[in-house]
Full PDB file with SEQRES, HELIX, SHEET, SSBOND, CRYST1, ORIGX, SCALE, CONECT and MASTER records, all heavy atoms in Angstrom:
SEQRES   1 A   37  ALA SER GLN ILE VAL VAL SER GLU LYS THR ILE ALA GLU          
SEQRES   2 A   37  ASP SER VAL GLU VAL LYS ASP ARG LYS THR GLY LYS VAL          
SEQRES   3 A   37  GLU LYS ILE LYS LEU LYS GLU PHE LEU SER GLN                  
HELIX    1 AA1 GLU A    8  ALA A   12  1                                   5    
HELIX    2 AA2 LEU A   31  SER A   36  1                                   6    
SHEET    1 AA1 3 SER A   2  VAL A   5  0                                        
SHEET    2 AA1 3 SER A  15  ASP A  20 -1                                        
SHEET    3 AA1 3 VAL A  26  LYS A  30 -1                                        
CRYST1    1.000    1.000    1.000  90.00  90.00  90.00 P 1           1          
ORIGX1      1.000000  0.000000  0.000000        0.00000                         
ORIGX2      0.000000  1.000000  0.000000        0.00000                         
ORIGX3      0.000000  0.000000  1.000000        0.00000                         
SCALE1      1.000000  0.000000  0.000000        0.00000                         
SCALE2      0.000000  1.000000  0.000000        0.00000                         
SCALE3      0.000000  0.000000  1.000000        0.00000                         
ATOM      1  N   ALA A   1     -29.870 210.583  -4.874  1.00  0.00           N  
ATOM      2  CA  ALA A   1     -28.984 209.927  -3.911  1.00  0.00           C  
ATOM      3  C   ALA A   1     -28.741 208.442  -4.183  1.00  0.00           C  
ATOM      4  O   ALA A   1     -27.628 207.943  -4.014  1.00  0.00           O  
ATOM      5  CB  ALA A   1     -29.543 210.115  -2.502  1.00  0.00           C  
ATOM      6  N   SER A   2     -29.781 207.721  -4.618  1.00  0.00           N  
ATOM      7  CA  SER A   2     -29.659 206.278  -4.824  1.00  0.00           C  
ATOM      8  C   SER A   2     -30.170 205.895  -6.209  1.00  0.00           C  
ATOM      9  O   SER A   2     -31.243 206.327  -6.619  1.00  0.00           O  
ATOM     10  CB  SER A   2     -30.461 205.525  -3.758  1.00  0.00           C  
ATOM     11  OG  SER A   2     -30.555 204.150  -4.054  1.00  0.00           O  
ATOM     12  N   GLN A   3     -29.384 205.097  -6.931  1.00  0.00           N  
ATOM     13  CA  GLN A   3     -29.785 204.606  -8.246  1.00  0.00           C  
ATOM     14  C   GLN A   3     -30.071 203.105  -8.158  1.00  0.00           C  
ATOM     15  O   GLN A   3     -29.250 202.347  -7.639  1.00  0.00           O  
ATOM     16  CB  GLN A   3     -28.685 204.870  -9.272  1.00  0.00           C  
ATOM     17  CG  GLN A   3     -28.371 206.348  -9.477  1.00  0.00           C  
ATOM     18  CD  GLN A   3     -27.184 206.575 -10.389  1.00  0.00           C  
ATOM     19  OE1 GLN A   3     -26.637 205.637 -10.985  1.00  0.00           O  
ATOM     20  NE2 GLN A   3     -26.765 207.831 -10.508  1.00  0.00           N  
ATOM     21  N   ILE A   4     -31.242 202.717  -8.649  1.00  0.00           N  
ATOM     22  CA  ILE A   4     -31.617 201.298  -8.672  1.00  0.00           C  
ATOM     23  C   ILE A   4     -31.583 200.827 -10.118  1.00  0.00           C  
ATOM     24  O   ILE A   4     -32.360 201.302 -10.948  1.00  0.00           O  
ATOM     25  CB  ILE A   4     -33.028 201.074  -8.106  1.00  0.00           C  
ATOM     26  CG1 ILE A   4     -33.175 201.738  -6.744  1.00  0.00           C  
ATOM     27  CG2 ILE A   4     -33.346 199.586  -8.013  1.00  0.00           C  
ATOM     28  CD1 ILE A   4     -34.607 201.796  -6.264  1.00  0.00           C  
ATOM     29  N   VAL A   5     -30.683 199.929 -10.422  1.00  0.00           N  
ATOM     30  CA  VAL A   5     -30.511 199.466 -11.799  1.00  0.00           C  
ATOM     31  C   VAL A   5     -31.126 198.083 -11.965  1.00  0.00           C  
ATOM     32  O   VAL A   5     -30.848 197.163 -11.187  1.00  0.00           O  
ATOM     33  CB  VAL A   5     -29.021 199.422 -12.189  1.00  0.00           C  
ATOM     34  CG1 VAL A   5     -28.862 198.934 -13.628  1.00  0.00           C  
ATOM     35  CG2 VAL A   5     -28.395 200.801 -12.016  1.00  0.00           C  
ATOM     36  N   VAL A   6     -31.990 197.966 -12.968  1.00  0.00           N  
ATOM     37  CA  VAL A   6     -32.622 196.694 -13.315  1.00  0.00           C  
ATOM     38  C   VAL A   6     -32.183 196.319 -14.724  1.00  0.00           C  
ATOM     39  O   VAL A   6     -32.292 197.131 -15.648  1.00  0.00           O  
ATOM     40  CB  VAL A   6     -34.156 196.806 -13.262  1.00  0.00           C  
ATOM     41  CG1 VAL A   6     -34.806 195.517 -13.749  1.00  0.00           C  
ATOM     42  CG2 VAL A   6     -34.614 197.129 -11.852  1.00  0.00           C  
ATOM     43  N   SER A   7     -31.670 195.108 -14.898  1.00  0.00           N  
ATOM     44  CA  SER A   7     -31.207 194.652 -16.209  1.00  0.00           C  
ATOM     45  C   SER A   7     -31.632 193.204 -16.418  1.00  0.00           C  
ATOM     46  O   SER A   7     -32.191 192.568 -15.517  1.00  0.00           O  
ATOM     47  CB  SER A   7     -29.680 194.747 -16.287  1.00  0.00           C  
ATOM     48  OG  SER A   7     -29.073 193.861 -15.355  1.00  0.00           O  
ATOM     49  N   GLU A   8     -31.366 192.684 -17.615  1.00  0.00           N  
ATOM     50  CA  GLU A   8     -31.684 191.270 -17.884  1.00  0.00           C  
ATOM     51  C   GLU A   8     -30.979 190.365 -16.874  1.00  0.00           C  
ATOM     52  O   GLU A   8     -31.546 189.386 -16.394  1.00  0.00           O  
ATOM     53  CB  GLU A   8     -31.239 190.900 -19.307  1.00  0.00           C  
ATOM     54  CG  GLU A   8     -31.922 191.708 -20.401  1.00  0.00           C  
ATOM     55  CD  GLU A   8     -33.359 191.295 -20.620  1.00  0.00           C  
ATOM     56  OE1 GLU A   8     -33.834 190.393 -19.921  1.00  0.00           O  
ATOM     57  OE2 GLU A   8     -34.012 191.875 -21.512  1.00  0.00           O  
ATOM     58  N   LYS A   9     -29.756 190.759 -16.515  1.00  0.00           N  
ATOM     59  CA  LYS A   9     -28.975 189.940 -15.575  1.00  0.00           C  
ATOM     60  C   LYS A   9     -29.595 189.960 -14.184  1.00  0.00           C  
ATOM     61  O   LYS A   9     -29.740 188.920 -13.532  1.00  0.00           O  
ATOM     62  CB  LYS A   9     -27.538 190.447 -15.519  1.00  0.00           C  
ATOM     63  CG  LYS A   9     -26.642 189.634 -14.606  1.00  0.00           C  
ATOM     64  CD  LYS A   9     -25.216 190.175 -14.625  1.00  0.00           C  
ATOM     65  CE  LYS A   9     -24.322 189.369 -13.688  1.00  0.00           C  
ATOM     66  NZ  LYS A   9     -22.923 189.900 -13.670  1.00  0.00           N  
ATOM     67  N   THR A  10     -29.964 191.137 -13.697  1.00  0.00           N  
ATOM     68  CA  THR A  10     -30.532 191.217 -12.347  1.00  0.00           C  
ATOM     69  C   THR A  10     -31.897 190.546 -12.285  1.00  0.00           C  
ATOM     70  O   THR A  10     -32.250 189.946 -11.269  1.00  0.00           O  
ATOM     71  CB  THR A  10     -30.671 192.690 -11.878  1.00  0.00           C  
ATOM     72  OG1 THR A  10     -31.618 193.377 -12.694  1.00  0.00           O  
ATOM     73  CG2 THR A  10     -29.342 193.410 -11.925  1.00  0.00           C  
ATOM     74  N   ILE A  11     -32.650 190.631 -13.389  1.00  0.00           N  
ATOM     75  CA  ILE A  11     -33.959 189.970 -13.430  1.00  0.00           C  
ATOM     76  C   ILE A  11     -33.794 188.461 -13.319  1.00  0.00           C  
ATOM     77  O   ILE A  11     -34.534 187.785 -12.599  1.00  0.00           O  
ATOM     78  CB  ILE A  11     -34.711 190.340 -14.716  1.00  0.00           C  
ATOM     79  CG1 ILE A  11     -35.092 191.824 -14.688  1.00  0.00           C  
ATOM     80  CG2 ILE A  11     -35.967 189.487 -14.882  1.00  0.00           C  
ATOM     81  CD1 ILE A  11     -35.683 192.328 -15.983  1.00  0.00           C  
ATOM     82  N   ALA A  12     -32.794 187.946 -14.008  1.00  0.00           N  
ATOM     83  CA  ALA A  12     -32.538 186.502 -13.976  1.00  0.00           C  
ATOM     84  C   ALA A  12     -32.182 186.046 -12.563  1.00  0.00           C  
ATOM     85  O   ALA A  12     -32.469 184.909 -12.170  1.00  0.00           O  
ATOM     86  CB  ALA A  12     -31.417 186.149 -14.943  1.00  0.00           C  
ATOM     87  N   GLU A  13     -31.551 186.944 -11.796  1.00  0.00           N  
ATOM     88  CA  GLU A  13     -31.133 186.609 -10.429  1.00  0.00           C  
ATOM     89  C   GLU A  13     -32.138 187.113  -9.392  1.00  0.00           C  
ATOM     90  O   GLU A  13     -31.881 187.009  -8.185  1.00  0.00           O  
ATOM     91  CB  GLU A  13     -29.754 187.215 -10.149  1.00  0.00           C  
ATOM     92  CG  GLU A  13     -28.663 186.676 -11.068  1.00  0.00           C  
ATOM     93  CD  GLU A  13     -27.340 187.426 -10.882  1.00  0.00           C  
ATOM     94  OE1 GLU A  13     -27.342 188.438 -10.140  1.00  0.00           O  
ATOM     95  OE2 GLU A  13     -26.334 186.991 -11.444  1.00  0.00           O  
ATOM     96  N   ASP A  14     -33.258 187.668  -9.873  1.00  0.00           N  
ATOM     97  CA  ASP A  14     -34.283 188.222  -9.003  1.00  0.00           C  
ATOM     98  C   ASP A  14     -33.675 189.204  -7.990  1.00  0.00           C  
ATOM     99  O   ASP A  14     -33.917 189.122  -6.785  1.00  0.00           O  
ATOM    100  CB  ASP A  14     -35.038 187.119  -8.262  1.00  0.00           C  
ATOM    101  CG  ASP A  14     -36.393 187.614  -7.738  1.00  0.00           C  
ATOM    102  OD1 ASP A  14     -36.937 188.568  -8.325  1.00  0.00           O  
ATOM    103  OD2 ASP A  14     -36.879 187.068  -6.736  1.00  0.00           O  
ATOM    104  N   SER A  15     -32.894 190.131  -8.539  1.00  0.00           N  
ATOM    105  CA  SER A  15     -32.199 191.089  -7.687  1.00  0.00           C  
ATOM    106  C   SER A  15     -32.179 192.467  -8.367  1.00  0.00           C  
ATOM    107  O   SER A  15     -32.659 192.636  -9.485  1.00  0.00           O  
ATOM    108  CB  SER A  15     -30.763 190.625  -7.412  1.00  0.00           C  
ATOM    109  OG  SER A  15     -30.025 190.568  -8.620  1.00  0.00           O  
ATOM    110  N   VAL A  16     -31.609 193.438  -7.665  1.00  0.00           N  
ATOM    111  CA  VAL A  16     -31.388 194.769  -8.229  1.00  0.00           C  
ATOM    112  C   VAL A  16     -29.982 195.221  -7.840  1.00  0.00           C  
ATOM    113  O   VAL A  16     -29.413 194.741  -6.862  1.00  0.00           O  
ATOM    114  CB  VAL A  16     -32.417 195.805  -7.709  1.00  0.00           C  
ATOM    115  CG1 VAL A  16     -33.811 195.477  -8.195  1.00  0.00           C  
ATOM    116  CG2 VAL A  16     -32.373 195.919  -6.191  1.00  0.00           C  
ATOM    117  N   GLU A  17     -29.432 196.142  -8.630  1.00  0.00           N  
ATOM    118  CA  GLU A  17     -28.164 196.756  -8.270  1.00  0.00           C  
ATOM    119  C   GLU A  17     -28.458 198.152  -7.727  1.00  0.00           C  
ATOM    120  O   GLU A  17     -29.128 198.949  -8.376  1.00  0.00           O  
ATOM    121  CB  GLU A  17     -27.237 196.860  -9.475  1.00  0.00           C  
ATOM    122  CG  GLU A  17     -26.664 195.529  -9.913  1.00  0.00           C  
ATOM    123  CD  GLU A  17     -25.682 195.665 -11.058  1.00  0.00           C  
ATOM    124  OE1 GLU A  17     -25.624 196.757 -11.665  1.00  0.00           O  
ATOM    125  OE2 GLU A  17     -24.979 194.685 -11.354  1.00  0.00           O  
ATOM    126  N   VAL A  18     -27.952 198.441  -6.536  1.00  0.00           N  
ATOM    127  CA  VAL A  18     -28.179 199.729  -5.894  1.00  0.00           C  
ATOM    128  C   VAL A  18     -26.856 200.473  -5.831  1.00  0.00           C  
ATOM    129  O   VAL A  18     -25.887 200.001  -5.240  1.00  0.00           O  
ATOM    130  CB  VAL A  18     -28.763 199.559  -4.475  1.00  0.00           C  
ATOM    131  CG1 VAL A  18     -28.983 200.921  -3.835  1.00  0.00           C  
ATOM    132  CG2 VAL A  18     -30.060 198.773  -4.525  1.00  0.00           C  
ATOM    133  N   LYS A  19     -26.845 201.658  -6.462  1.00  0.00           N  
ATOM    134  CA  LYS A  19     -25.624 202.464  -6.499  1.00  0.00           C  
ATOM    135  C   LYS A  19     -25.814 203.713  -5.651  1.00  0.00           C  
ATOM    136  O   LYS A  19     -26.791 204.443  -5.798  1.00  0.00           O  
ATOM    137  CB  LYS A  19     -25.297 202.870  -7.943  1.00  0.00           C  
ATOM    138  CG  LYS A  19     -24.094 203.802  -8.068  1.00  0.00           C  
ATOM    139  CD  LYS A  19     -23.884 204.247  -9.505  1.00  0.00           C  
ATOM    140  CE  LYS A  19     -22.760 205.277  -9.609  1.00  0.00           C  
ATOM    141  NZ  LYS A  19     -22.576 205.758 -11.000  1.00  0.00           N  
ATOM    142  N   ASP A  20     -24.861 203.962  -4.767  1.00  0.00           N  
ATOM    143  CA  ASP A  20     -24.839 205.188  -3.983  1.00  0.00           C  
ATOM    144  C   ASP A  20     -24.197 206.273  -4.834  1.00  0.00           C  
ATOM    145  O   ASP A  20     -23.034 206.169  -5.198  1.00  0.00           O  
ATOM    146  CB  ASP A  20     -24.037 204.973  -2.694  1.00  0.00           C  
ATOM    147  CG  ASP A  20     -24.081 206.169  -1.763  1.00  0.00           C  
ATOM    148  OD1 ASP A  20     -23.602 207.248  -2.171  1.00  0.00           O  
ATOM    149  OD2 ASP A  20     -24.573 206.035  -0.637  1.00  0.00           O  
ATOM    150  N   ARG A  21     -24.964 207.327  -5.152  1.00  0.00           N  
ATOM    151  CA  ARG A  21     -24.441 208.358  -6.056  1.00  0.00           C  
ATOM    152  C   ARG A  21     -23.214 209.054  -5.485  1.00  0.00           C  
ATOM    153  O   ARG A  21     -22.298 209.421  -6.231  1.00  0.00           O  
ATOM    154  CB  ARG A  21     -25.553 209.395  -6.332  1.00  0.00           C  
ATOM    155  CG  ARG A  21     -25.110 210.598  -7.162  1.00  0.00           C  
ATOM    156  CD  ARG A  21     -24.680 210.194  -8.563  1.00  0.00           C  
ATOM    157  NE  ARG A  21     -24.193 211.328  -9.316  1.00  0.00           N  
ATOM    158  CZ  ARG A  21     -22.920 211.728  -9.354  1.00  0.00           C  
ATOM    159  NH1 ARG A  21     -22.001 211.064  -8.677  1.00  0.00           N  
ATOM    160  NH2 ARG A  21     -22.576 212.768 -10.074  1.00  0.00           N  
ATOM    161  N   LYS A  22     -23.165 209.240  -4.175  1.00  0.00           N  
ATOM    162  CA  LYS A  22     -22.054 209.970  -3.564  1.00  0.00           C  
ATOM    163  C   LYS A  22     -20.762 209.171  -3.582  1.00  0.00           C  
ATOM    164  O   LYS A  22     -19.710 209.674  -3.978  1.00  0.00           O  
ATOM    165  CB  LYS A  22     -22.405 210.350  -2.123  1.00  0.00           C  
ATOM    166  CG  LYS A  22     -21.315 211.136  -1.410  1.00  0.00           C  
ATOM    167  CD  LYS A  22     -21.752 211.513   0.006  1.00  0.00           C  
ATOM    168  CE  LYS A  22     -20.648 212.287   0.716  1.00  0.00           C  
ATOM    169  NZ  LYS A  22     -21.051 212.663   2.105  1.00  0.00           N  
ATOM    170  N   THR A  23     -20.834 207.913  -3.152  1.00  0.00           N  
ATOM    171  CA  THR A  23     -19.621 207.095  -3.044  1.00  0.00           C  
ATOM    172  C   THR A  23     -19.323 206.296  -4.299  1.00  0.00           C  
ATOM    173  O   THR A  23     -18.195 205.861  -4.518  1.00  0.00           O  
ATOM    174  CB  THR A  23     -19.736 206.117  -1.861  1.00  0.00           C  
ATOM    175  OG1 THR A  23     -20.798 205.180  -2.129  1.00  0.00           O  
ATOM    176  CG2 THR A  23     -20.043 206.870  -0.571  1.00  0.00           C  
ATOM    177  N   GLY A  24     -20.345 206.074  -5.131  1.00  0.00           N  
ATOM    178  CA  GLY A  24     -20.179 205.247  -6.320  1.00  0.00           C  
ATOM    179  C   GLY A  24     -20.235 203.760  -6.020  1.00  0.00           C  
ATOM    180  O   GLY A  24     -20.121 202.931  -6.924  1.00  0.00           O  
ATOM    181  N   LYS A  25     -20.438 203.409  -4.759  1.00  0.00           N  
ATOM    182  CA  LYS A  25     -20.483 202.001  -4.366  1.00  0.00           C  
ATOM    183  C   LYS A  25     -21.731 201.326  -4.922  1.00  0.00           C  
ATOM    184  O   LYS A  25     -22.843 201.849  -4.812  1.00  0.00           O  
ATOM    185  CB  LYS A  25     -20.469 201.883  -2.840  1.00  0.00           C  
ATOM    186  CG  LYS A  25     -20.502 200.448  -2.327  1.00  0.00           C  
ATOM    187  CD  LYS A  25     -20.521 200.414  -0.805  1.00  0.00           C  
ATOM    188  CE  LYS A  25     -20.609 198.983  -0.296  1.00  0.00           C  
ATOM    189  NZ  LYS A  25     -20.674 198.918   1.189  1.00  0.00           N  
ATOM    190  N   VAL A  26     -21.538 200.145  -5.541  1.00  0.00           N  
ATOM    191  CA  VAL A  26     -22.649 199.380  -6.119  1.00  0.00           C  
ATOM    192  C   VAL A  26     -22.826 198.088  -5.336  1.00  0.00           C  
ATOM    193  O   VAL A  26     -21.857 197.362  -5.093  1.00  0.00           O  
ATOM    194  CB  VAL A  26     -22.405 199.066  -7.607  1.00  0.00           C  
ATOM    195  CG1 VAL A  26     -23.563 198.236  -8.168  1.00  0.00           C  
ATOM    196  CG2 VAL A  26     -22.236 200.351  -8.400  1.00  0.00           C  
ATOM    197  N   GLU A  27     -24.061 197.813  -4.937  1.00  0.00           N  
ATOM    198  CA  GLU A  27     -24.365 196.610  -4.172  1.00  0.00           C  
ATOM    199  C   GLU A  27     -25.510 195.857  -4.840  1.00  0.00           C  
ATOM    200  O   GLU A  27     -26.535 196.448  -5.158  1.00  0.00           O  
ATOM    201  CB  GLU A  27     -24.750 196.983  -2.743  1.00  0.00           C  
ATOM    202  CG  GLU A  27     -25.010 195.794  -1.841  1.00  0.00           C  
ATOM    203  CD  GLU A  27     -25.396 196.211  -0.428  1.00  0.00           C  
ATOM    204  OE1 GLU A  27     -25.565 197.434  -0.202  1.00  0.00           O  
ATOM    205  OE2 GLU A  27     -25.535 195.325   0.433  1.00  0.00           O  
ATOM    206  N   LYS A  28     -25.299 194.549  -5.062  1.00  0.00           N  
ATOM    207  CA  LYS A  28     -26.372 193.730  -5.623  1.00  0.00           C  
ATOM    208  C   LYS A  28     -27.180 193.147  -4.473  1.00  0.00           C  
ATOM    209  O   LYS A  28     -26.635 192.523  -3.562  1.00  0.00           O  
ATOM    210  CB  LYS A  28     -25.800 192.608  -6.488  1.00  0.00           C  
ATOM    211  CG  LYS A  28     -26.876 191.806  -7.229  1.00  0.00           C  
ATOM    212  CD  LYS A  28     -26.259 190.795  -8.189  1.00  0.00           C  
ATOM    213  CE  LYS A  28     -25.665 191.493  -9.390  1.00  0.00           C  
ATOM    214  NZ  LYS A  28     -25.183 190.525 -10.418  1.00  0.00           N  
ATOM    215  N   ILE A  29     -28.498 193.380  -4.513  1.00  0.00           N  
ATOM    216  CA  ILE A  29     -29.370 192.962  -3.425  1.00  0.00           C  
ATOM    217  C   ILE A  29     -30.554 192.182  -3.995  1.00  0.00           C  
ATOM    218  O   ILE A  29     -31.124 192.568  -5.018  1.00  0.00           O  
ATOM    219  CB  ILE A  29     -29.906 194.188  -2.642  1.00  0.00           C  
ATOM    220  CG1 ILE A  29     -28.753 195.077  -2.176  1.00  0.00           C  
ATOM    221  CG2 ILE A  29     -30.744 193.750  -1.458  1.00  0.00           C  
ATOM    222  CD1 ILE A  29     -29.218 196.351  -1.511  1.00  0.00           C  
ATOM    223  N   LYS A  30     -30.918 191.098  -3.335  1.00  0.00           N  
ATOM    224  CA  LYS A  30     -32.100 190.354  -3.728  1.00  0.00           C  
ATOM    225  C   LYS A  30     -33.317 191.266  -3.649  1.00  0.00           C  
ATOM    226  O   LYS A  30     -33.441 192.081  -2.725  1.00  0.00           O  
ATOM    227  CB  LYS A  30     -32.302 189.132  -2.827  1.00  0.00           C  
ATOM    228  CG  LYS A  30     -31.293 188.020  -3.059  1.00  0.00           C  
ATOM    229  CD  LYS A  30     -31.460 187.393  -4.453  1.00  0.00           C  
ATOM    230  CE  LYS A  30     -30.529 186.212  -4.646  1.00  0.00           C  
ATOM    231  NZ  LYS A  30     -30.691 185.624  -5.998  1.00  0.00           N  
ATOM    232  N   LEU A  31     -34.198 191.148  -4.610  1.00  0.00           N  
ATOM    233  CA  LEU A  31     -35.337 192.048  -4.700  1.00  0.00           C  
ATOM    234  C   LEU A  31     -36.175 192.026  -3.417  1.00  0.00           C  
ATOM    235  O   LEU A  31     -36.573 193.103  -2.918  1.00  0.00           O  
ATOM    236  CB  LEU A  31     -36.216 191.667  -5.890  1.00  0.00           C  
ATOM    237  CG  LEU A  31     -37.459 192.534  -6.100  1.00  0.00           C  
ATOM    238  CD1 LEU A  31     -37.068 193.980  -6.365  1.00  0.00           C  
ATOM    239  CD2 LEU A  31     -38.296 192.000  -7.242  1.00  0.00           C  
ATOM    240  N   LYS A  32     -36.423 190.860  -2.878  1.00  0.00           N  
ATOM    241  CA  LYS A  32     -37.222 190.742  -1.660  1.00  0.00           C  
ATOM    242  C   LYS A  32     -36.582 191.478  -0.500  1.00  0.00           C  
ATOM    243  O   LYS A  32     -37.253 192.203   0.262  1.00  0.00           O  
ATOM    244  CB  LYS A  32     -37.419 189.265  -1.309  1.00  0.00           C  
ATOM    245  CG  LYS A  32     -38.341 189.030  -0.111  1.00  0.00           C  
ATOM    246  CD  LYS A  32     -38.553 187.548   0.121  1.00  0.00           C  
ATOM    247  CE  LYS A  32     -39.472 187.310   1.319  1.00  0.00           C  
ATOM    248  NZ  LYS A  32     -39.684 185.859   1.576  1.00  0.00           N  
ATOM    249  N   GLU A  33     -35.257 191.345  -0.400  1.00  0.00           N  
ATOM    250  CA  GLU A  33     -34.528 192.022   0.691  1.00  0.00           C  
ATOM    251  C   GLU A  33     -34.561 193.543   0.479  1.00  0.00           C  
ATOM    252  O   GLU A  33     -34.744 194.311   1.428  1.00  0.00           O  
ATOM    253  CB  GLU A  33     -33.079 191.534   0.713  1.00  0.00           C  
ATOM    254  CG  GLU A  33     -32.235 192.167   1.817  1.00  0.00           C  
ATOM    255  CD  GLU A  33     -30.789 191.720   1.776  1.00  0.00           C  
ATOM    256  OE1 GLU A  33     -30.489 190.757   1.030  1.00  0.00           O  
ATOM    257  OE2 GLU A  33     -29.964 192.336   2.471  1.00  0.00           O  
ATOM    258  N   PHE A  34     -34.386 193.968  -0.770  1.00  0.00           N  
ATOM    259  CA  PHE A  34     -34.394 195.409  -1.070  1.00  0.00           C  
ATOM    260  C   PHE A  34     -35.735 196.009  -0.706  1.00  0.00           C  
ATOM    261  O   PHE A  34     -35.810 197.084  -0.074  1.00  0.00           O  
ATOM    262  CB  PHE A  34     -34.088 195.635  -2.554  1.00  0.00           C  
ATOM    263  CG  PHE A  34     -34.275 197.048  -2.995  1.00  0.00           C  
ATOM    264  CD1 PHE A  34     -33.371 198.035  -2.632  1.00  0.00           C  
ATOM    265  CD2 PHE A  34     -35.376 197.412  -3.753  1.00  0.00           C  
ATOM    266  CE1 PHE A  34     -33.561 199.347  -3.022  1.00  0.00           C  
ATOM    267  CE2 PHE A  34     -35.571 198.715  -4.177  1.00  0.00           C  
ATOM    268  CZ  PHE A  34     -34.654 199.692  -3.797  1.00  0.00           C  
ATOM    269  N   LEU A  35     -36.823 195.345  -1.090  1.00  0.00           N  
ATOM    270  CA  LEU A  35     -38.155 195.863  -0.810  1.00  0.00           C  
ATOM    271  C   LEU A  35     -38.433 195.922   0.692  1.00  0.00           C  
ATOM    272  O   LEU A  35     -39.138 196.816   1.168  1.00  0.00           O  
ATOM    273  CB  LEU A  35     -39.212 195.028  -1.512  1.00  0.00           C  
ATOM    274  CG  LEU A  35     -39.240 195.150  -3.040  1.00  0.00           C  
ATOM    275  CD1 LEU A  35     -40.217 194.158  -3.646  1.00  0.00           C  
ATOM    276  CD2 LEU A  35     -39.607 196.583  -3.443  1.00  0.00           C  
ATOM    277  N   SER A  36     -37.873 194.986   1.444  1.00  0.00           N  
ATOM    278  CA  SER A  36     -38.070 195.016   2.885  1.00  0.00           C  
ATOM    279  C   SER A  36     -37.281 196.169   3.513  1.00  0.00           C  
ATOM    280  O   SER A  36     -37.706 196.756   4.513  1.00  0.00           O  
ATOM    281  CB  SER A  36     -37.639 193.692   3.517  1.00  0.00           C  
ATOM    282  OG  SER A  36     -36.224 193.496   3.413  1.00  0.00           O  
ATOM    283  N   GLN A  37     -36.147 196.503   2.912  1.00  0.00           N  
ATOM    284  CA  GLN A  37     -35.321 197.587   3.437  1.00  0.00           C  
ATOM    285  C   GLN A  37     -35.951 198.958   3.189  1.00  0.00           C  
ATOM    286  O   GLN A  37     -35.916 199.836   4.056  1.00  0.00           O  
ATOM    287  CB  GLN A  37     -33.927 197.569   2.794  1.00  0.00           C  
ATOM    288  CG  GLN A  37     -33.062 196.418   3.257  1.00  0.00           C  
ATOM    289  CD  GLN A  37     -31.717 196.396   2.546  1.00  0.00           C  
ATOM    290  OE1 GLN A  37     -31.436 197.238   1.706  1.00  0.00           O  
ATOM    291  NE2 GLN A  37     -30.882 195.423   2.902  1.00  0.00           N  
TER     292      GLN A  37                                                      
MASTER        0    0    0    2    3    0    0    6  291    1    0    3          
END                                                                             
């Protein structure tokens, strides 16, 4: 259902990209916020 993408770019921004498999929507979220969610 959910894909969490980690790359050199997201690491530099201390974030992750979260993709909804159903809708294809991609959201960049700060790692701290993602972990709290």
